[in-house]
Amino acid sequence: MVNTSPKGLSRRTFLSASGALLLAGCASGEENTAARVEVPEVRLGVLAVPDTAPLYLAQRQGIFERAGLRPKMVESQLTGDNRFDLENGSEDIHFDSWVTIFLNIADGADWVLVGEAYQTSTNTSALLTRTDSKLRDVQDLRGTRIGVNNPNGLGTMLINALLSTRGISPSEVRYVEIPFDKIGAAIKSGQVDSGWLVEPYLTTAQLENGAVPFADTAAGATVELPQSGYVCARSFAERNPQTIKAFQAALVQAQVEAADRTAIERELIEYLKVNNTVAALMNMGTYPSSLRAVRPQRVADLMRTQGTLKKDIDVSKLVING
């Protein structure tokens, strides 16, 4: 694609320059912040998805170390309607989809938002089916079985938003809970008529199970939707303000570095165990280099509209910007 932006400024250059400005603003206090970090070995809850790749990049490039952190990665469960205890559990800062995060908060979890992780792009999540399927359009989903990793999660919210554009109620489809790594096989065997997947599972299902995408679930009302983020218990943030500042500064730098596709692919291959072919072919979203309440607020509002949340959540009251 020919770059037609003024002075030939590419999107990647713009992101890197913007991130550099953000980092410059806090660089003068970086050494002091690092020296005062209360919890150097902060425990970071992660999932094996591309969203968390910048955390591993930050480890490799010494970004965490320069911020005074020696984080311990704690693997969370990828499936199910998860509820987490960040007061007494095994994690200090937790990564998850905004949907799961807001469900926890609605259930009474006293959490604060400390970072954005990932934002959807074209075909980073989609509904797939078999090549011989009779499904040709969203309208054909009525009365069918759809495989999802979590009946109350991100995928269901995105699919319901898609169905609503065609006047289809969620009650007119049947959601079947299946782990991400099993959905491709479930589509192939006919256990489900279609399945919802995110990368890298989306590309893997096409390569290994012959599944084909037929509906992008990051389009229309959900285009460029904030997908995931980082939270901690309010009590942890209050006790350890320098730790949160250090994490946020490191995350900003890592997210900026993540604009380099080659750097991210390396982390996908080494830490997330994605094979080289999938890493090269998969569609990638974007990594926000700031924390702005207005973005995850879109998710909370959509959940409220769909009835997943019974009352409004004001995200601006939950954000901590160190």
C-alpha atoms as a PDB file:
ATOM      1  CA  MET A   1       0.000   0.000   0.000  1.00  0.00           C
ATOM      2  CA  VAL A   2       1.339   3.452  -0.929  1.00  0.00           C
ATOM      3  CA  ASN A   3       1.683   5.810   2.016  1.00  0.00           C
ATOM      4  CA  THR A   4      -0.287   8.965   1.232  1.00  0.00           C
ATOM      5  CA  SER A   5      -0.078  10.557   4.677  1.00  0.00           C
ATOM      6  CA  PRO A   6       1.585  13.969   5.020  1.00  0.00           C
ATOM      7  CA  LYS A   7       5.386  13.820   4.715  1.00  0.00           C
ATOM      8  CA  GLY A   8       5.139  10.051   4.348  1.00  0.00           C
ATOM      9  CA  LEU A   9       4.618   9.496   8.078  1.00  0.00           C
ATOM     10  CA  SER A  10       3.652   5.833   8.501  1.00  0.00           C
ATOM     11  CA  ARG A  11       1.264   4.591  11.181  1.00  0.00           C
ATOM     12  CA  ARG A  12       4.070   2.628  12.824  1.00  0.00           C
ATOM     13  CA  THR A  13       6.333   5.698  12.877  1.00  0.00           C
ATOM     14  CA  PHE A  14       3.518   7.783  14.317  1.00  0.00           C
ATOM     15  CA  LEU A  15       2.829   5.233  17.054  1.00  0.00           C
ATOM     16  CA  SER A  16       6.495   4.957  17.918  1.00  0.00           C
ATOM     17  CA  ALA A  17       6.895   8.724  18.026  1.00  0.00           C
ATOM     18  CA  SER A  18       3.784   9.110  20.179  1.00  0.00           C
ATOM     19  CA  GLY A  19       4.996   6.427  22.528  1.00  0.00           C
ATOM     20  CA  ALA A  20       8.403   8.078  22.743  1.00  0.00           C
ATOM     21  CA  LEU A  21       6.767  11.322  23.817  1.00  0.00           C
ATOM     22  CA  LEU A  22       4.801   9.487  26.491  1.00  0.00           C
ATOM     23  CA  LEU A  23       7.944   7.815  27.741  1.00  0.00           C
ATOM     24  CA  ALA A  24       9.921  11.046  27.699  1.00  0.00           C
ATOM     25  CA  GLY A  25       7.414  12.549  30.076  1.00  0.00           C
ATOM     26  CA  CYS A  26       8.216   9.988  32.758  1.00  0.00           C
ATOM     27  CA  ALA A  27      11.848   9.216  31.894  1.00  0.00           C
ATOM     28  CA  SER A  28      13.247  11.810  34.274  1.00  0.00           C
ATOM     29  CA  GLY A  29      11.691  10.021  37.249  1.00  0.00           C
ATOM     30  CA  GLU A  30      12.311   6.475  36.050  1.00  0.00           C
ATOM     31  CA  GLU A  31      15.330   5.795  38.281  1.00  0.00           C
ATOM     32  CA  ASN A  32      13.633   7.205  41.360  1.00  0.00           C
ATOM     33  CA  THR A  33      10.467   5.187  40.685  1.00  0.00           C
ATOM     34  CA  ALA A  34      12.483   2.001  40.172  1.00  0.00           C
ATOM     35  CA  ALA A  35      14.282   2.552  43.473  1.00  0.00           C
ATOM     36  CA  ARG A  36      10.996   2.940  45.363  1.00  0.00           C
ATOM     37  CA  VAL A  37       9.081  -0.015  43.891  1.00  0.00           C
ATOM     38  CA  GLU A  38       7.389  -1.821  46.776  1.00  0.00           C
ATOM     39  CA  VAL A  39       6.895  -5.205  45.076  1.00  0.00           C
ATOM     40  CA  PRO A  40       9.687  -5.854  42.532  1.00  0.00           C
ATOM     41  CA  GLU A  41       8.573  -9.472  41.999  1.00  0.00           C
ATOM     42  CA  VAL A  42       5.026  -8.498  41.145  1.00  0.00           C
ATOM     43  CA  ARG A  43       2.891 -11.472  40.073  1.00  0.00           C
ATOM     44  CA  LEU A  44       1.298 -10.946  36.654  1.00  0.00           C
ATOM     45  CA  GLY A  45      -1.649 -13.165  35.716  1.00  0.00           C
ATOM     46  CA  VAL A  46      -1.479 -13.972  31.993  1.00  0.00           C
ATOM     47  CA  LEU A  47      -3.324 -16.001  29.374  1.00  0.00           C
ATOM     48  CA  ALA A  48      -1.820 -17.700  26.315  1.00  0.00           C
ATOM     49  CA  VAL A  49      -3.169 -15.160  23.821  1.00  0.00           C
ATOM     50  CA  PRO A  50      -1.487 -12.473  21.649  1.00  0.00           C
ATOM     51  CA  ASP A  51      -2.813  -9.771  23.982  1.00  0.00           C
ATOM     52  CA  THR A  52      -0.089 -10.525  26.540  1.00  0.00           C
ATOM     53  CA  ALA A  53       2.847 -10.766  24.103  1.00  0.00           C
ATOM     54  CA  PRO A  54       4.144  -7.277  25.050  1.00  0.00           C
ATOM     55  CA  LEU A  55       4.714  -8.489  28.626  1.00  0.00           C
ATOM     56  CA  TYR A  56       7.173 -11.097  27.360  1.00  0.00           C
ATOM     57  CA  LEU A  57       8.724  -8.531  25.050  1.00  0.00           C
ATOM     58  CA  ALA A  58       9.206  -6.277  28.084  1.00  0.00           C
ATOM     59  CA  GLN A  59      11.043  -9.099  29.845  1.00  0.00           C
ATOM     60  CA  ARG A  60      13.290  -9.845  26.867  1.00  0.00           C
ATOM     61  CA  GLN A  61      14.225  -6.217  26.244  1.00  0.00           C
ATOM     62  CA  GLY A  62      14.867  -5.363  29.894  1.00  0.00           C
ATOM     63  CA  ILE A  63      11.978  -2.890  30.060  1.00  0.00           C
ATOM     64  CA  PHE A  64      10.648  -4.351  33.308  1.00  0.00           C
ATOM     65  CA  GLU A  65      14.122  -4.503  34.820  1.00  0.00           C
ATOM     66  CA  ARG A  66      14.785  -0.839  34.100  1.00  0.00           C
ATOM     67  CA  ALA A  67      11.477  -0.007  35.794  1.00  0.00           C
ATOM     68  CA  GLY A  68      12.622  -1.867  38.908  1.00  0.00           C
ATOM     69  CA  LEU A  69      10.447  -4.933  38.332  1.00  0.00           C
ATOM     70  CA  ARG A  70      11.225  -8.643  38.170  1.00  0.00           C
ATOM     71  CA  PRO A  71       7.729  -9.919  37.406  1.00  0.00           C
ATOM     72  CA  LYS A  72       6.599 -13.497  37.822  1.00  0.00           C
ATOM     73  CA  MET A  73       4.206 -14.684  35.118  1.00  0.00           C
ATOM     74  CA  VAL A  74       1.291 -16.664  36.554  1.00  0.00           C
ATOM     75  CA  GLU A  75      -0.798 -18.569  33.985  1.00  0.00           C
ATOM     76  CA  SER A  76      -4.559 -18.225  34.397  1.00  0.00           C
ATOM     77  CA  GLN A  77      -7.202 -20.546  32.996  1.00  0.00           C
ATOM     78  CA  LEU A  78      -8.262 -19.795  29.417  1.00  0.00           C
ATOM     79  CA  THR A  79     -11.788 -21.198  29.543  1.00  0.00           C
ATOM     80  CA  GLY A  80     -14.843 -20.864  31.735  1.00  0.00           C
ATOM     81  CA  ASP A  81     -16.693 -18.016  33.400  1.00  0.00           C
ATOM     82  CA  ASN A  82     -13.800 -17.084  35.650  1.00  0.00           C
ATOM     83  CA  ARG A  83     -14.041 -15.349  39.012  1.00  0.00           C
ATOM     84  CA  PHE A  84     -10.765 -14.260  40.603  1.00  0.00           C
ATOM     85  CA  ASP A  85      -9.694 -13.378  44.127  1.00  0.00           C
ATOM     86  CA  LEU A  86      -7.073 -10.673  43.716  1.00  0.00           C
ATOM     87  CA  GLU A  87      -7.050  -9.956  47.432  1.00  0.00           C
ATOM     88  CA  ASN A  88      -5.833 -13.398  48.539  1.00  0.00           C
ATOM     89  CA  GLY A  89      -5.034 -15.237  45.317  1.00  0.00           C
ATOM     90  CA  SER A  90      -1.865 -16.014  43.359  1.00  0.00           C
ATOM     91  CA  GLU A  91      -1.847 -12.828  41.243  1.00  0.00           C
ATOM     92  CA  ASP A  92      -1.202  -9.149  41.966  1.00  0.00           C
ATOM     93  CA  ILE A  93      -2.038  -7.749  38.525  1.00  0.00           C
ATOM     94  CA  HIS A  94      -4.461  -9.736  36.414  1.00  0.00           C
ATOM     95  CA  PHE A  95      -4.975  -9.833  32.650  1.00  0.00           C
ATOM     96  CA  ASP A  96      -8.324 -10.769  31.125  1.00  0.00           C
ATOM     97  CA  SER A  97     -10.972  -9.768  28.616  1.00  0.00           C
ATOM     98  CA  TRP A  98     -12.893  -6.639  29.592  1.00  0.00           C
ATOM     99  CA  VAL A  99     -16.052  -8.747  29.635  1.00  0.00           C
ATOM    100  CA  THR A 100     -14.727 -11.063  32.351  1.00  0.00           C
ATOM    101  CA  ILE A 101     -13.228  -8.124  34.232  1.00  0.00           C
ATOM    102  CA  PHE A 102     -16.527  -6.219  34.298  1.00  0.00           C
ATOM    103  CA  LEU A 103     -18.456  -9.342  35.331  1.00  0.00           C
ATOM    104  CA  ASN A 104     -16.125  -9.695  38.309  1.00  0.00           C
ATOM    105  CA  ILE A 105     -16.552  -6.029  39.206  1.00  0.00           C
ATOM    106  CA  ALA A 106     -20.336  -6.322  38.886  1.00  0.00           C
ATOM    107  CA  ASP A 107     -20.162  -9.260  41.315  1.00  0.00           C
ATOM    108  CA  GLY A 108     -18.473  -7.051  43.896  1.00  0.00           C
ATOM    109  CA  ALA A 109     -14.758  -7.336  43.113  1.00  0.00           C
ATOM    110  CA  ASP A 110     -13.081  -4.097  44.284  1.00  0.00           C
ATOM    111  CA  TRP A 111     -10.721  -3.763  41.347  1.00  0.00           C
ATOM    112  CA  VAL A 112      -9.086  -0.869  39.530  1.00  0.00           C
ATOM    113  CA  LEU A 113      -7.952  -0.680  35.913  1.00  0.00           C
ATOM    114  CA  VAL A 114      -4.208  -0.210  35.423  1.00  0.00           C
ATOM    115  CA  GLY A 115      -3.684  -0.825  31.700  1.00  0.00           C
ATOM    116  CA  GLU A 116      -5.180  -1.642  28.317  1.00  0.00           C
ATOM    117  CA  ALA A 117      -3.880  -4.755  26.577  1.00  0.00           C
ATOM    118  CA  TYR A 118      -5.385  -5.303  23.129  1.00  0.00           C
ATOM    119  CA  GLN A 119      -7.879  -3.919  20.645  1.00  0.00           C
ATOM    120  CA  THR A 120      -9.602  -5.856  17.857  1.00  0.00           C
ATOM    121  CA  SER A 121      -8.881  -5.376  14.168  1.00  0.00           C
ATOM    122  CA  THR A 122     -10.379  -6.899  11.025  1.00  0.00           C
ATOM    123  CA  ASN A 123     -10.777 -10.673  11.348  1.00  0.00           C
ATOM    124  CA  THR A 124      -8.875 -10.965  14.628  1.00  0.00           C
ATOM    125  CA  SER A 125     -11.966 -12.828  15.826  1.00  0.00           C
ATOM    126  CA  ALA A 126     -14.526 -14.547  13.646  1.00  0.00           C
ATOM    127  CA  LEU A 127     -17.133 -17.253  13.264  1.00  0.00           C
ATOM    128  CA  LEU A 128     -15.887 -20.240  11.283  1.00  0.00           C
ATOM    129  CA  THR A 129     -17.659 -23.198   9.730  1.00  0.00           C
ATOM    130  CA  ARG A 130     -16.998 -26.167   7.424  1.00  0.00           C
ATOM    131  CA  THR A 131     -16.401 -25.751   3.714  1.00  0.00           C
ATOM    132  CA  ASP A 132     -19.520 -27.863   3.008  1.00  0.00           C
ATOM    133  CA  SER A 133     -21.675 -25.982   5.517  1.00  0.00           C
ATOM    134  CA  LYS A 134     -25.054 -24.562   4.528  1.00  0.00           C
ATOM    135  CA  LEU A 135     -24.213 -21.423   6.494  1.00  0.00           C
ATOM    136  CA  ARG A 136     -23.629 -18.612   4.056  1.00  0.00           C
ATOM    137  CA  ASP A 137     -24.898 -15.594   5.946  1.00  0.00           C
ATOM    138  CA  VAL A 138     -25.453 -14.443   9.508  1.00  0.00           C
ATOM    139  CA  GLN A 139     -29.174 -14.902   8.922  1.00  0.00           C
ATOM    140  CA  ASP A 140     -28.546 -18.642   8.579  1.00  0.00           C
ATOM    141  CA  LEU A 141     -27.413 -18.914  12.211  1.00  0.00           C
ATOM    142  CA  ARG A 142     -30.973 -19.207  13.531  1.00  0.00           C
ATOM    143  CA  GLY A 143     -31.447 -22.570  15.232  1.00  0.00           C
ATOM    144  CA  THR A 144     -27.770 -23.553  15.005  1.00  0.00           C
ATOM    145  CA  ARG A 145     -25.116 -24.571  17.520  1.00  0.00           C
ATOM    146  CA  ILE A 146     -22.215 -22.147  18.010  1.00  0.00           C
ATOM    147  CA  GLY A 147     -19.038 -23.200  19.798  1.00  0.00           C
ATOM    148  CA  VAL A 148     -17.655 -20.607  22.225  1.00  0.00           C
ATOM    149  CA  ASN A 149     -14.996 -20.862  24.916  1.00  0.00           C
ATOM    150  CA  ASN A 150     -17.201 -19.074  27.455  1.00  0.00           C
ATOM    151  CA  PRO A 151     -21.012 -18.723  27.213  1.00  0.00           C
ATOM    152  CA  ASN A 152     -20.752 -15.501  29.251  1.00  0.00           C
ATOM    153  CA  GLY A 153     -17.578 -14.148  27.700  1.00  0.00           C
ATOM    154  CA  LEU A 154     -16.227 -11.857  25.012  1.00  0.00           C
ATOM    155  CA  GLY A 155     -17.203 -14.121  22.112  1.00  0.00           C
ATOM    156  CA  THR A 156     -20.846 -14.353  23.123  1.00  0.00           C
ATOM    157  CA  MET A 157     -21.035 -10.569  23.454  1.00  0.00           C
ATOM    158  CA  LEU A 158     -19.515 -10.059  20.005  1.00  0.00           C
ATOM    159  CA  ILE A 159     -21.761 -12.694  18.400  1.00  0.00           C
ATOM    160  CA  ASN A 160     -24.878 -11.263  20.056  1.00  0.00           C
ATOM    161  CA  ALA A 161     -23.966  -7.825  18.698  1.00  0.00           C
ATOM    162  CA  LEU A 162     -23.626  -9.361  15.236  1.00  0.00           C
ATOM    163  CA  LEU A 163     -26.944 -11.229  15.535  1.00  0.00           C
ATOM    164  CA  SER A 164     -28.740  -8.051  16.583  1.00  0.00           C
ATOM    165  CA  THR A 165     -27.843  -6.418  13.250  1.00  0.00           C
ATOM    166  CA  ARG A 166     -30.034  -9.064  11.590  1.00  0.00           C
ATOM    167  CA  GLY A 167     -32.825  -9.005  14.144  1.00  0.00           C
ATOM    168  CA  ILE A 168     -31.818 -12.341  15.655  1.00  0.00           C
ATOM    169  CA  SER A 169     -32.223 -12.906  19.394  1.00  0.00           C
ATOM    170  CA  PRO A 170     -29.522 -14.780  21.353  1.00  0.00           C
ATOM    171  CA  SER A 171     -32.264 -17.234  22.360  1.00  0.00           C
ATOM    172  CA  GLU A 172     -32.519 -18.302  18.698  1.00  0.00           C
ATOM    173  CA  VAL A 173     -29.059 -19.890  18.737  1.00  0.00           C
ATOM    174  CA  ARG A 174     -27.487 -22.456  21.069  1.00  0.00           C
ATOM    175  CA  TYR A 175     -24.091 -21.699  22.566  1.00  0.00           C
ATOM    176  CA  VAL A 176     -21.942 -24.763  23.256  1.00  0.00           C
ATOM    177  CA  GLU A 177     -18.986 -24.332  25.635  1.00  0.00           C
ATOM    178  CA  ILE A 178     -15.778 -25.773  24.149  1.00  0.00           C
ATOM    179  CA  PRO A 179     -12.138 -24.846  24.865  1.00  0.00           C
ATOM    180  CA  PHE A 180     -10.518 -22.695  22.184  1.00  0.00           C
ATOM    181  CA  ASP A 181      -8.091 -25.429  21.140  1.00  0.00           C
ATOM    182  CA  LYS A 182     -10.966 -27.900  20.579  1.00  0.00           C
ATOM    183  CA  ILE A 183     -13.362 -25.701  18.608  1.00  0.00           C
ATOM    184  CA  GLY A 184     -11.706 -26.322  15.229  1.00  0.00           C
ATOM    185  CA  ALA A 185     -12.111 -30.086  15.645  1.00  0.00           C
ATOM    186  CA  ALA A 186     -15.707 -29.607  16.849  1.00  0.00           C
ATOM    187  CA  ILE A 187     -16.510 -27.693  13.665  1.00  0.00           C
ATOM    188  CA  LYS A 188     -14.902 -30.400  11.506  1.00  0.00           C
ATOM    189  CA  SER A 189     -16.748 -33.243  13.248  1.00  0.00           C
ATOM    190  CA  GLY A 190     -20.127 -31.504  13.128  1.00  0.00           C
ATOM    191  CA  GLN A 191     -20.425 -31.213  16.905  1.00  0.00           C
ATOM    192  CA  VAL A 192     -21.233 -27.545  16.262  1.00  0.00           C
ATOM    193  CA  ASP A 193     -22.410 -25.748  13.136  1.00  0.00           C
ATOM    194  CA  SER A 194     -19.969 -22.900  13.636  1.00  0.00           C
ATOM    195  CA  GLY A 195     -17.412 -21.764  16.184  1.00  0.00           C
ATOM    196  CA  TRP A 196     -16.058 -18.479  17.450  1.00  0.00           C
ATOM    197  CA  LEU A 197     -12.294 -18.098  17.635  1.00  0.00           C
ATOM    198  CA  VAL A 198      -9.638 -15.492  18.273  1.00  0.00           C
ATOM    199  CA  GLU A 199      -6.085 -15.655  17.012  1.00  0.00           C
ATOM    200  CA  PRO A 200      -3.977 -17.746  16.944  1.00  0.00           C
ATOM    201  CA  TYR A 201      -6.702 -20.396  17.234  1.00  0.00           C
ATOM    202  CA  LEU A 202      -8.549 -18.868  14.293  1.00  0.00           C
ATOM    203  CA  THR A 203      -5.662 -19.386  11.870  1.00  0.00           C
ATOM    204  CA  THR A 204      -4.791 -22.779  13.384  1.00  0.00           C
ATOM    205  CA  ALA A 205      -8.351 -24.049  12.849  1.00  0.00           C
ATOM    206  CA  GLN A 206      -8.148 -23.096   9.182  1.00  0.00           C
ATOM    207  CA  LEU A 207      -4.793 -24.795   8.666  1.00  0.00           C
ATOM    208  CA  GLU A 208      -5.428 -27.941  10.720  1.00  0.00           C
ATOM    209  CA  ASN A 209      -9.183 -28.487  10.484  1.00  0.00           C
ATOM    210  CA  GLY A 210     -10.090 -26.925   7.143  1.00  0.00           C
ATOM    211  CA  ALA A 211     -12.464 -24.458   8.794  1.00  0.00           C
ATOM    212  CA  VAL A 212     -13.369 -21.303   6.884  1.00  0.00           C
ATOM    213  CA  PRO A 213     -14.378 -17.880   8.270  1.00  0.00           C
ATOM    214  CA  PHE A 214     -17.798 -16.599   7.280  1.00  0.00           C
ATOM    215  CA  ALA A 215     -18.449 -13.719   9.675  1.00  0.00           C
ATOM    216  CA  ASP A 216     -16.044 -11.161  11.153  1.00  0.00           C
ATOM    217  CA  THR A 217     -17.078 -10.428  14.751  1.00  0.00           C
ATOM    218  CA  ALA A 218     -14.924  -7.297  14.995  1.00  0.00           C
ATOM    219  CA  ALA A 219     -16.952  -5.227  12.551  1.00  0.00           C
ATOM    220  CA  GLY A 220     -19.780  -2.721  12.640  1.00  0.00           C
ATOM    221  CA  ALA A 221     -20.630  -1.789  16.228  1.00  0.00           C
ATOM    222  CA  THR A 222     -17.662  -3.818  17.483  1.00  0.00           C
ATOM    223  CA  VAL A 223     -14.998  -2.546  15.074  1.00  0.00           C
ATOM    224  CA  GLU A 224     -11.735  -1.723  16.894  1.00  0.00           C
ATOM    225  CA  LEU A 225     -13.368  -2.766  20.150  1.00  0.00           C
ATOM    226  CA  PRO A 226     -11.137  -2.804  23.230  1.00  0.00           C
ATOM    227  CA  GLN A 227     -10.712  -6.505  23.954  1.00  0.00           C
ATOM    228  CA  SER A 228      -8.702  -6.868  27.145  1.00  0.00           C
ATOM    229  CA  GLY A 229      -6.791  -5.152  29.903  1.00  0.00           C
ATOM    230  CA  TYR A 230      -5.034  -5.315  33.249  1.00  0.00           C
ATOM    231  CA  VAL A 231      -6.539  -4.869  36.719  1.00  0.00           C
ATOM    232  CA  CYS A 232      -5.527  -5.226  40.336  1.00  0.00           C
ATOM    233  CA  ALA A 233      -7.265  -5.095  43.692  1.00  0.00           C
ATOM    234  CA  ARG A 234      -7.826  -1.511  44.853  1.00  0.00           C
ATOM    235  CA  SER A 235      -6.084  -2.394  48.107  1.00  0.00           C
ATOM    236  CA  PHE A 236      -2.963  -3.527  46.215  1.00  0.00           C
ATOM    237  CA  ALA A 237      -2.848  -0.268  44.248  1.00  0.00           C
ATOM    238  CA  GLU A 238      -3.234   1.777  47.426  1.00  0.00           C
ATOM    239  CA  ARG A 239      -0.467  -0.114  49.243  1.00  0.00           C
ATOM    240  CA  ASN A 240       1.907  -0.178  46.275  1.00  0.00           C
ATOM    241  CA  PRO A 241       1.530   3.007  44.186  1.00  0.00           C
ATOM    242  CA  GLN A 242       5.132   2.948  42.898  1.00  0.00           C
ATOM    243  CA  THR A 243       4.747  -0.658  41.760  1.00  0.00           C
ATOM    244  CA  ILE A 244       1.670   0.305  39.741  1.00  0.00           C
ATOM    245  CA  LYS A 245       3.477   3.325  38.252  1.00  0.00           C
ATOM    246  CA  ALA A 246       6.435   1.154  37.303  1.00  0.00           C
ATOM    247  CA  PHE A 247       4.177  -1.468  35.698  1.00  0.00           C
ATOM    248  CA  GLN A 248       2.274   1.165  33.738  1.00  0.00           C
ATOM    249  CA  ALA A 249       5.453   2.848  32.483  1.00  0.00           C
ATOM    250  CA  ALA A 250       6.883  -0.500  31.391  1.00  0.00           C
ATOM    251  CA  LEU A 251       3.605  -1.495  29.731  1.00  0.00           C
ATOM    252  CA  VAL A 252       3.469   1.749  27.741  1.00  0.00           C
ATOM    253  CA  GLN A 253       6.969   1.194  26.394  1.00  0.00           C
ATOM    254  CA  ALA A 254       6.276  -2.475  25.618  1.00  0.00           C
ATOM    255  CA  GLN A 255       3.032  -1.640  23.813  1.00  0.00           C
ATOM    256  CA  VAL A 256       4.874   0.891  21.652  1.00  0.00           C
ATOM    257  CA  GLU A 257       7.570  -1.677  20.831  1.00  0.00           C
ATOM    258  CA  ALA A 258       4.771  -4.110  19.929  1.00  0.00           C
ATOM    259  CA  ALA A 259       4.053  -2.059  16.812  1.00  0.00           C
ATOM    260  CA  ASP A 260       6.973  -4.041  15.362  1.00  0.00           C
ATOM    261  CA  ARG A 261       5.305  -7.172  14.004  1.00  0.00           C
ATOM    262  CA  THR A 262       8.605  -9.056  13.876  1.00  0.00           C
ATOM    263  CA  ALA A 263       9.215  -8.473  17.590  1.00  0.00           C
ATOM    264  CA  ILE A 264       5.729  -9.680  18.501  1.00  0.00           C
ATOM    265  CA  GLU A 265       5.995 -12.779  16.304  1.00  0.00           C
ATOM    266  CA  ARG A 266       9.125 -13.753  18.206  1.00  0.00           C
ATOM    267  CA  GLU A 267       7.225 -13.674  21.488  1.00  0.00           C
ATOM    268  CA  LEU A 268       4.274 -15.576  20.007  1.00  0.00           C
ATOM    269  CA  ILE A 269       6.608 -18.333  18.847  1.00  0.00           C
ATOM    270  CA  GLU A 270       8.789 -18.582  21.955  1.00  0.00           C
ATOM    271  CA  TYR A 271       6.458 -17.924  24.862  1.00  0.00           C
ATOM    272  CA  LEU A 272       2.985 -18.665  23.496  1.00  0.00           C
ATOM    273  CA  LYS A 273       4.191 -21.707  21.496  1.00  0.00           C
ATOM    274  CA  VAL A 274       2.625 -20.534  18.226  1.00  0.00           C
ATOM    275  CA  ASN A 275       4.328 -22.177  15.232  1.00  0.00           C
ATOM    276  CA  ASN A 276       6.129 -20.027  12.678  1.00  0.00           C
ATOM    277  CA  THR A 277       3.502 -20.428   9.960  1.00  0.00           C
ATOM    278  CA  VAL A 278       0.612 -19.398  12.205  1.00  0.00           C
ATOM    279  CA  ALA A 279       2.601 -16.482  13.618  1.00  0.00           C
ATOM    280  CA  ALA A 280       3.252 -15.188  10.098  1.00  0.00           C
ATOM    281  CA  LEU A 281      -0.328 -15.650   8.829  1.00  0.00           C
ATOM    282  CA  MET A 282      -2.503 -14.641  11.783  1.00  0.00           C
ATOM    283  CA  ASN A 283      -4.331 -11.333  11.867  1.00  0.00           C
ATOM    284  CA  MET A 284      -3.146  -8.966  14.565  1.00  0.00           C
ATOM    285  CA  GLY A 285      -4.990  -6.319  16.529  1.00  0.00           C
ATOM    286  CA  THR A 286      -3.419  -3.244  18.101  1.00  0.00           C
ATOM    287  CA  TYR A 287      -1.770  -2.570  21.444  1.00  0.00           C
ATOM    288  CA  PRO A 288      -2.945   0.749  22.964  1.00  0.00           C
ATOM    289  CA  SER A 289      -0.109   2.830  24.406  1.00  0.00           C
ATOM    290  CA  SER A 290      -2.306   4.643  26.915  1.00  0.00           C
ATOM    291  CA  LEU A 291      -5.123   3.965  29.347  1.00  0.00           C
ATOM    292  CA  ARG A 292      -8.284   5.874  28.488  1.00  0.00           C
ATOM    293  CA  ALA A 293     -11.567   5.085  30.218  1.00  0.00           C
ATOM    294  CA  VAL A 294     -13.623   5.889  27.119  1.00  0.00           C
ATOM    295  CA  ARG A 295     -12.349   2.770  25.339  1.00  0.00           C
ATOM    296  CA  PRO A 296     -13.247  -0.003  27.822  1.00  0.00           C
ATOM    297  CA  GLN A 297     -16.409   1.980  28.582  1.00  0.00           C
ATOM    298  CA  ARG A 298     -17.623   0.845  25.138  1.00  0.00           C
ATOM    299  CA  VAL A 299     -17.510  -2.754  26.373  1.00  0.00           C
ATOM    300  CA  ALA A 300     -19.296  -1.999  29.642  1.00  0.00           C
ATOM    301  CA  ASP A 301     -22.019  -0.122  27.750  1.00  0.00           C
ATOM    302  CA  LEU A 302     -22.488  -2.958  25.255  1.00  0.00           C
ATOM    303  CA  MET A 303     -22.747  -5.482  28.087  1.00  0.00           C
ATOM    304  CA  ARG A 304     -25.366  -3.282  29.757  1.00  0.00           C
ATOM    305  CA  THR A 305     -27.340  -3.025  26.506  1.00  0.00           C
ATOM    306  CA  GLN A 306     -27.293  -6.811  26.111  1.00  0.00           C
ATOM    307  CA  GLY A 307     -28.355  -7.366  29.726  1.00  0.00           C
ATOM    308  CA  THR A 308     -25.119  -9.045  30.790  1.00  0.00           C
ATOM    309  CA  LEU A 309     -24.629  -6.253  33.312  1.00  0.00           C
ATOM    310  CA  LYS A 310     -27.620  -5.385  35.472  1.00  0.00           C
ATOM    311  CA  LYS A 311     -26.404  -1.887  36.289  1.00  0.00           C
ATOM    312  CA  ASP A 312     -24.136   0.718  34.738  1.00  0.00           C
ATOM    313  CA  ILE A 313     -20.386   0.720  35.348  1.00  0.00           C
ATOM    314  CA  ASP A 314     -18.619   4.087  35.242  1.00  0.00           C
ATOM    315  CA  VAL A 315     -15.167   3.066  34.030  1.00  0.00           C
ATOM    316  CA  SER A 316     -13.714   6.544  34.659  1.00  0.00           C
ATOM    317  CA  LYS A 317     -14.050   5.911  38.423  1.00  0.00           C
ATOM    318  CA  LEU A 318     -12.031   2.707  38.168  1.00  0.00           C
ATOM    319  CA  VAL A 319      -9.019   3.926  36.183  1.00  0.00           C
ATOM    320  CA  ILE A 320      -5.665   4.588  37.817  1.00  0.00           C
ATOM    321  CA  ASN A 321      -3.186   6.610  35.791  1.00  0.00           C
ATOM    322  CA  GLY A 322       0.155   6.731  37.549  1.00  0.00           C
END
